[in-house]
């Protein structure tokens, strides 16, 4: 799972460099995101000024956004086999956080 998440971060970072709209929208934004997998695994990352440094093991106290899902759904999201809104609507993906942050989350896919 770590390798897939690192590839997703690399794609996001490249997209943010290439797309001035994403850079402008995320400039000055700092958010800590936790990915809580139903198998007990947790990862987190920090989005800062339209860039993510990398995926870190474990959760953090008081994240800005928490994404709860199972590994298969996350892999499907990363591969583009399922969209984030469909996963959310079907209960395969739960997201806790501010609505504006939730809308920013779609930029990863």
N, C-alpha and C. Protein backbone atom coordinates (compact mmCIF):
# COMPACT_ATOMS: atom_id res chain seq x y z
N UNK A 1 0.82 -1.19 0.00
CA UNK A 1 0.00 0.00 0.00
C UNK A 1 0.86 1.26 0.00
N UNK A 2 1.96 1.22 0.73
CA UNK A 2 2.82 2.40 0.80
C UNK A 2 3.28 2.82 -0.59
N UNK A 3 3.67 1.86 -1.43
CA UNK A 3 4.17 2.18 -2.76
C UNK A 3 3.09 2.88 -3.60
N UNK A 4 1.85 2.39 -3.50
CA UNK A 4 0.75 3.01 -4.25
C UNK A 4 0.50 4.43 -3.77
N UNK A 5 0.56 4.64 -2.45
CA UNK A 5 0.35 5.97 -1.90
C UNK A 5 1.47 6.92 -2.30
N UNK A 6 2.72 6.43 -2.28
CA UNK A 6 3.85 7.27 -2.69
C UNK A 6 3.71 7.66 -4.17
N UNK A 7 3.25 6.73 -5.01
CA UNK A 7 3.03 7.04 -6.43
C UNK A 7 1.93 8.08 -6.59
N UNK A 8 0.87 7.97 -5.78
CA UNK A 8 -0.21 8.95 -5.82
C UNK A 8 0.30 10.34 -5.43
N UNK A 9 1.12 10.40 -4.39
CA UNK A 9 1.71 11.67 -3.96
C UNK A 9 2.58 12.25 -5.06
N UNK A 10 3.38 11.42 -5.71
CA UNK A 10 4.26 11.90 -6.79
C UNK A 10 3.42 12.46 -7.94
N UNK A 11 2.32 11.78 -8.29
CA UNK A 11 1.44 12.30 -9.36
C UNK A 11 0.80 13.61 -8.96
N UNK A 12 0.34 13.69 -7.70
CA UNK A 12 -0.26 14.93 -7.22
C UNK A 12 0.75 16.07 -7.27
N UNK A 13 1.95 15.84 -6.75
CA UNK A 13 2.97 16.89 -6.73
C UNK A 13 3.30 17.36 -8.15
N UNK A 14 3.40 16.42 -9.09
CA UNK A 14 3.68 16.80 -10.48
C UNK A 14 2.53 17.62 -11.06
N UNK A 15 1.29 17.20 -10.77
CA UNK A 15 0.13 17.92 -11.27
C UNK A 15 0.09 19.34 -10.68
N UNK A 16 0.43 19.47 -9.41
CA UNK A 16 0.43 20.78 -8.76
C UNK A 16 1.48 21.71 -9.36
N UNK A 17 2.61 21.15 -9.76
CA UNK A 17 3.66 21.96 -10.40
C UNK A 17 3.19 22.43 -11.78
N UNK A 18 2.52 21.55 -12.52
CA UNK A 18 2.11 21.85 -13.89
C UNK A 18 0.86 22.71 -13.98
N UNK A 19 -0.04 22.63 -13.00
CA UNK A 19 -1.33 23.30 -13.07
C UNK A 19 -1.37 24.52 -12.15
N UNK A 20 -1.30 25.72 -12.72
CA UNK A 20 -1.29 26.92 -11.89
C UNK A 20 -2.58 27.10 -11.07
N UNK A 21 -3.69 26.56 -11.54
CA UNK A 21 -4.94 26.69 -10.77
C UNK A 21 -4.84 25.92 -9.46
N UNK A 22 -4.28 24.72 -9.51
CA UNK A 22 -4.12 23.93 -8.28
C UNK A 22 -3.17 24.64 -7.33
N UNK A 23 -2.05 25.11 -7.87
CA UNK A 23 -1.07 25.83 -7.02
C UNK A 23 -1.73 27.02 -6.35
N UNK A 24 -2.48 27.80 -7.11
CA UNK A 24 -3.11 29.00 -6.57
C UNK A 24 -4.13 28.63 -5.51
N UNK A 25 -4.95 27.61 -5.77
CA UNK A 25 -5.98 27.21 -4.83
C UNK A 25 -5.40 26.68 -3.52
N UNK A 26 -4.27 25.99 -3.60
CA UNK A 26 -3.69 25.36 -2.42
C UNK A 26 -2.56 26.17 -1.78
N UNK A 27 -2.21 27.29 -2.37
CA UNK A 27 -1.14 28.14 -1.82
C UNK A 27 -1.53 28.63 -0.43
N UNK A 28 -0.64 28.48 0.51
CA UNK A 28 -0.88 28.92 1.87
C UNK A 28 -1.69 27.94 2.71
N UNK A 29 -2.12 26.83 2.11
CA UNK A 29 -2.91 25.83 2.82
C UNK A 29 -1.97 24.81 3.47
N UNK A 30 -2.19 24.54 4.73
CA UNK A 30 -1.46 23.49 5.45
C UNK A 30 -2.50 22.59 6.10
N UNK A 31 -2.51 21.32 5.72
CA UNK A 31 -3.46 20.36 6.27
C UNK A 31 -2.75 19.04 6.54
N UNK A 32 -3.06 18.46 7.69
CA UNK A 32 -2.57 17.14 8.03
C UNK A 32 -3.70 16.15 7.76
N UNK A 33 -3.37 15.11 7.00
CA UNK A 33 -4.36 14.12 6.58
C UNK A 33 -3.95 12.74 7.09
N UNK A 34 -4.90 12.03 7.68
CA UNK A 34 -4.67 10.66 8.14
C UNK A 34 -5.49 9.72 7.27
N UNK A 35 -4.84 8.66 6.80
CA UNK A 35 -5.52 7.58 6.09
C UNK A 35 -5.60 6.42 7.07
N UNK A 36 -6.82 6.09 7.48
CA UNK A 36 -7.08 5.04 8.47
C UNK A 36 -7.70 3.86 7.74
N UNK A 37 -6.90 2.82 7.52
CA UNK A 37 -7.38 1.63 6.81
C UNK A 37 -8.05 0.68 7.78
N UNK A 38 -9.09 0.02 7.31
CA UNK A 38 -9.88 -0.87 8.17
C UNK A 38 -9.12 -2.11 8.62
N UNK A 39 -7.92 -2.33 8.05
CA UNK A 39 -7.11 -3.45 8.51
C UNK A 39 -6.21 -3.05 9.69
N UNK A 40 -6.38 -1.81 10.18
CA UNK A 40 -5.60 -1.33 11.32
C UNK A 40 -4.39 -0.49 10.95
N UNK A 41 -4.05 -0.43 9.67
CA UNK A 41 -2.91 0.36 9.21
C UNK A 41 -3.30 1.83 9.12
N UNK A 42 -2.39 2.70 9.53
CA UNK A 42 -2.61 4.15 9.41
C UNK A 42 -1.38 4.79 8.78
N UNK A 43 -1.65 5.75 7.92
CA UNK A 43 -0.61 6.60 7.33
C UNK A 43 -1.06 8.04 7.50
N UNK A 44 -0.11 8.95 7.41
CA UNK A 44 -0.49 10.37 7.37
C UNK A 44 0.48 11.13 6.49
N UNK A 45 0.01 12.30 6.07
CA UNK A 45 0.85 13.20 5.28
C UNK A 45 0.42 14.63 5.55
N UNK A 46 1.29 15.55 5.20
CA UNK A 46 1.00 16.97 5.36
C UNK A 46 1.00 17.61 3.98
N UNK A 47 -0.10 18.26 3.66
CA UNK A 47 -0.22 19.07 2.45
C UNK A 47 0.15 20.48 2.85
N UNK A 48 1.18 21.03 2.23
CA UNK A 48 1.62 22.39 2.55
C UNK A 48 1.97 23.10 1.26
N UNK A 49 1.27 24.21 0.99
CA UNK A 49 1.53 25.01 -0.21
C UNK A 49 1.56 24.16 -1.48
N UNK A 50 0.52 23.34 -1.66
CA UNK A 50 0.34 22.52 -2.87
C UNK A 50 1.43 21.47 -3.05
N UNK A 51 2.00 21.00 -1.94
CA UNK A 51 3.04 19.97 -2.02
C UNK A 51 2.91 19.03 -0.83
N UNK A 52 3.15 17.74 -1.09
CA UNK A 52 3.19 16.73 -0.05
C UNK A 52 4.59 16.14 -0.04
N UNK A 53 5.26 16.19 1.13
CA UNK A 53 6.63 15.67 1.22
C UNK A 53 6.69 14.15 1.12
N UNK A 54 5.70 13.46 1.66
CA UNK A 54 5.72 12.00 1.58
C UNK A 54 4.73 11.39 2.55
N UNK A 55 4.61 10.09 2.48
CA UNK A 55 3.70 9.33 3.33
C UNK A 55 4.46 8.88 4.57
N UNK A 56 3.87 9.10 5.73
CA UNK A 56 4.48 8.72 6.99
C UNK A 56 3.63 7.67 7.68
N UNK A 57 4.25 6.78 8.41
CA UNK A 57 3.53 5.73 9.13
C UNK A 57 2.79 6.28 10.33
N UNK A 58 1.64 5.68 10.63
CA UNK A 58 0.90 6.02 11.83
C UNK A 58 -0.02 7.21 11.66
N UNK A 59 -0.82 7.43 12.68
CA UNK A 59 -1.73 8.57 12.70
C UNK A 59 -1.12 9.72 13.47
N UNK A 60 -1.90 10.78 13.64
CA UNK A 60 -1.49 11.95 14.41
C UNK A 60 -2.67 12.41 15.25
N UNK A 61 -2.37 13.17 16.29
CA UNK A 61 -3.42 13.78 17.11
C UNK A 61 -4.08 14.91 16.32
N UNK A 62 -5.37 14.96 16.34
CA UNK A 62 -6.17 16.03 15.74
C UNK A 62 -5.80 16.36 14.29
N UNK A 63 -5.92 15.40 13.37
CA UNK A 63 -5.68 15.72 11.96
C UNK A 63 -6.78 16.64 11.43
N UNK A 64 -6.47 17.36 10.37
CA UNK A 64 -7.48 18.21 9.73
C UNK A 64 -8.49 17.37 8.95
N UNK A 65 -8.01 16.29 8.34
CA UNK A 65 -8.86 15.40 7.55
C UNK A 65 -8.49 13.96 7.91
N UNK A 66 -9.51 13.13 8.11
CA UNK A 66 -9.30 11.70 8.30
C UNK A 66 -10.08 10.96 7.23
N UNK A 67 -9.38 10.09 6.51
CA UNK A 67 -9.98 9.28 5.46
C UNK A 67 -10.01 7.85 5.98
N UNK A 68 -11.20 7.25 6.00
CA UNK A 68 -11.37 5.90 6.51
C UNK A 68 -11.88 5.02 5.36
N UNK A 69 -11.17 3.94 5.10
CA UNK A 69 -11.55 3.05 4.02
C UNK A 69 -10.83 1.72 4.19
N UNK A 70 -11.09 0.81 3.26
CA UNK A 70 -10.37 -0.46 3.27
C UNK A 70 -9.30 -0.42 2.18
N UNK A 71 -8.28 -1.26 2.28
CA UNK A 71 -7.19 -1.24 1.31
C UNK A 71 -7.65 -1.42 -0.14
N UNK A 72 -8.63 -2.30 -0.37
CA UNK A 72 -9.09 -2.56 -1.74
C UNK A 72 -9.72 -1.31 -2.36
N UNK A 73 -10.50 -0.58 -1.58
CA UNK A 73 -11.12 0.65 -2.10
C UNK A 73 -10.06 1.71 -2.38
N UNK A 74 -9.10 1.84 -1.49
CA UNK A 74 -8.04 2.83 -1.71
C UNK A 74 -7.25 2.48 -2.98
N UNK A 75 -6.95 1.21 -3.17
CA UNK A 75 -6.26 0.81 -4.40
C UNK A 75 -7.12 1.12 -5.63
N UNK A 76 -8.43 0.88 -5.53
CA UNK A 76 -9.34 1.20 -6.63
C UNK A 76 -9.39 2.69 -6.92
N UNK A 77 -9.36 3.50 -5.89
CA UNK A 77 -9.33 4.96 -6.06
C UNK A 77 -8.05 5.39 -6.77
N UNK A 78 -6.93 4.86 -6.32
CA UNK A 78 -5.63 5.21 -6.90
C UNK A 78 -5.56 4.78 -8.36
N UNK A 79 -6.10 3.60 -8.67
CA UNK A 79 -6.05 3.06 -10.04
C UNK A 79 -7.10 3.69 -10.94
N UNK A 80 -8.01 4.48 -10.37
CA UNK A 80 -9.06 5.09 -11.17
C UNK A 80 -10.21 4.15 -11.48
N UNK A 81 -10.29 3.03 -10.77
CA UNK A 81 -11.36 2.06 -10.99
C UNK A 81 -12.66 2.48 -10.33
N UNK A 82 -12.57 3.34 -9.34
CA UNK A 82 -13.74 3.89 -8.67
C UNK A 82 -13.44 5.35 -8.36
N UNK A 83 -14.42 6.20 -8.49
CA UNK A 83 -14.25 7.61 -8.18
C UNK A 83 -14.47 7.89 -6.71
N UNK A 84 -13.89 8.97 -6.19
CA UNK A 84 -14.04 9.27 -4.76
C UNK A 84 -15.49 9.53 -4.36
N UNK A 85 -16.28 10.16 -5.22
CA UNK A 85 -17.66 10.44 -4.85
C UNK A 85 -18.50 9.16 -4.83
N UNK A 86 -18.24 8.24 -5.75
CA UNK A 86 -18.96 6.96 -5.73
C UNK A 86 -18.57 6.16 -4.49
N UNK A 87 -17.28 6.13 -4.18
CA UNK A 87 -16.83 5.41 -2.99
C UNK A 87 -17.46 6.00 -1.73
N UNK A 88 -17.56 7.31 -1.69
CA UNK A 88 -18.17 7.99 -0.55
C UNK A 88 -19.66 7.67 -0.47
N UNK A 89 -20.34 7.77 -1.61
CA UNK A 89 -21.79 7.55 -1.64
C UNK A 89 -22.17 6.11 -1.29
N UNK A 90 -21.31 5.17 -1.59
CA UNK A 90 -21.60 3.76 -1.30
C UNK A 90 -21.09 3.33 0.08
N UNK A 91 -20.50 4.24 0.82
CA UNK A 91 -20.03 3.93 2.17
C UNK A 91 -18.68 3.25 2.23
N UNK A 92 -18.02 3.11 1.08
CA UNK A 92 -16.69 2.48 1.06
C UNK A 92 -15.60 3.44 1.50
N UNK A 93 -15.93 4.72 1.53
CA UNK A 93 -14.99 5.77 1.90
C UNK A 93 -15.70 6.72 2.84
N UNK A 94 -15.10 6.97 3.98
CA UNK A 94 -15.64 7.95 4.93
C UNK A 94 -14.56 9.00 5.13
N UNK A 95 -15.00 10.23 5.18
CA UNK A 95 -14.06 11.34 5.33
C UNK A 95 -14.57 12.26 6.42
N UNK A 96 -13.69 12.56 7.37
CA UNK A 96 -14.02 13.50 8.44
C UNK A 96 -13.17 14.74 8.25
N UNK A 97 -13.82 15.89 8.23
CA UNK A 97 -13.09 17.14 8.10
C UNK A 97 -14.00 18.23 7.60
N UNK A 98 -13.45 19.40 7.44
CA UNK A 98 -14.16 20.57 6.94
C UNK A 98 -14.58 20.33 5.49
N UNK A 99 -15.75 20.80 5.10
CA UNK A 99 -16.26 20.56 3.75
C UNK A 99 -15.31 21.10 2.67
N UNK A 100 -14.69 22.24 2.91
CA UNK A 100 -13.73 22.77 1.93
C UNK A 100 -12.54 21.84 1.77
N UNK A 101 -12.08 21.27 2.87
CA UNK A 101 -10.97 20.32 2.79
C UNK A 101 -11.38 19.06 2.05
N UNK A 102 -12.62 18.64 2.26
CA UNK A 102 -13.11 17.45 1.56
C UNK A 102 -13.13 17.68 0.05
N UNK A 103 -13.51 18.85 -0.37
CA UNK A 103 -13.52 19.16 -1.80
C UNK A 103 -12.10 19.23 -2.36
N UNK A 104 -11.15 19.67 -1.56
CA UNK A 104 -9.76 19.70 -2.01
C UNK A 104 -9.21 18.29 -2.21
N UNK A 105 -9.72 17.34 -1.44
CA UNK A 105 -9.25 15.95 -1.49
C UNK A 105 -9.36 15.36 -2.90
N UNK A 106 -10.37 15.77 -3.65
CA UNK A 106 -10.58 15.22 -5.00
C UNK A 106 -9.41 15.51 -5.93
N UNK A 107 -8.59 16.49 -5.62
CA UNK A 107 -7.45 16.84 -6.48
C UNK A 107 -6.42 15.73 -6.54
N UNK A 108 -6.47 14.80 -5.59
CA UNK A 108 -5.52 13.70 -5.59
C UNK A 108 -5.85 12.66 -6.65
N UNK A 109 -7.08 12.69 -7.18
CA UNK A 109 -7.50 11.65 -8.12
C UNK A 109 -7.82 12.22 -9.48
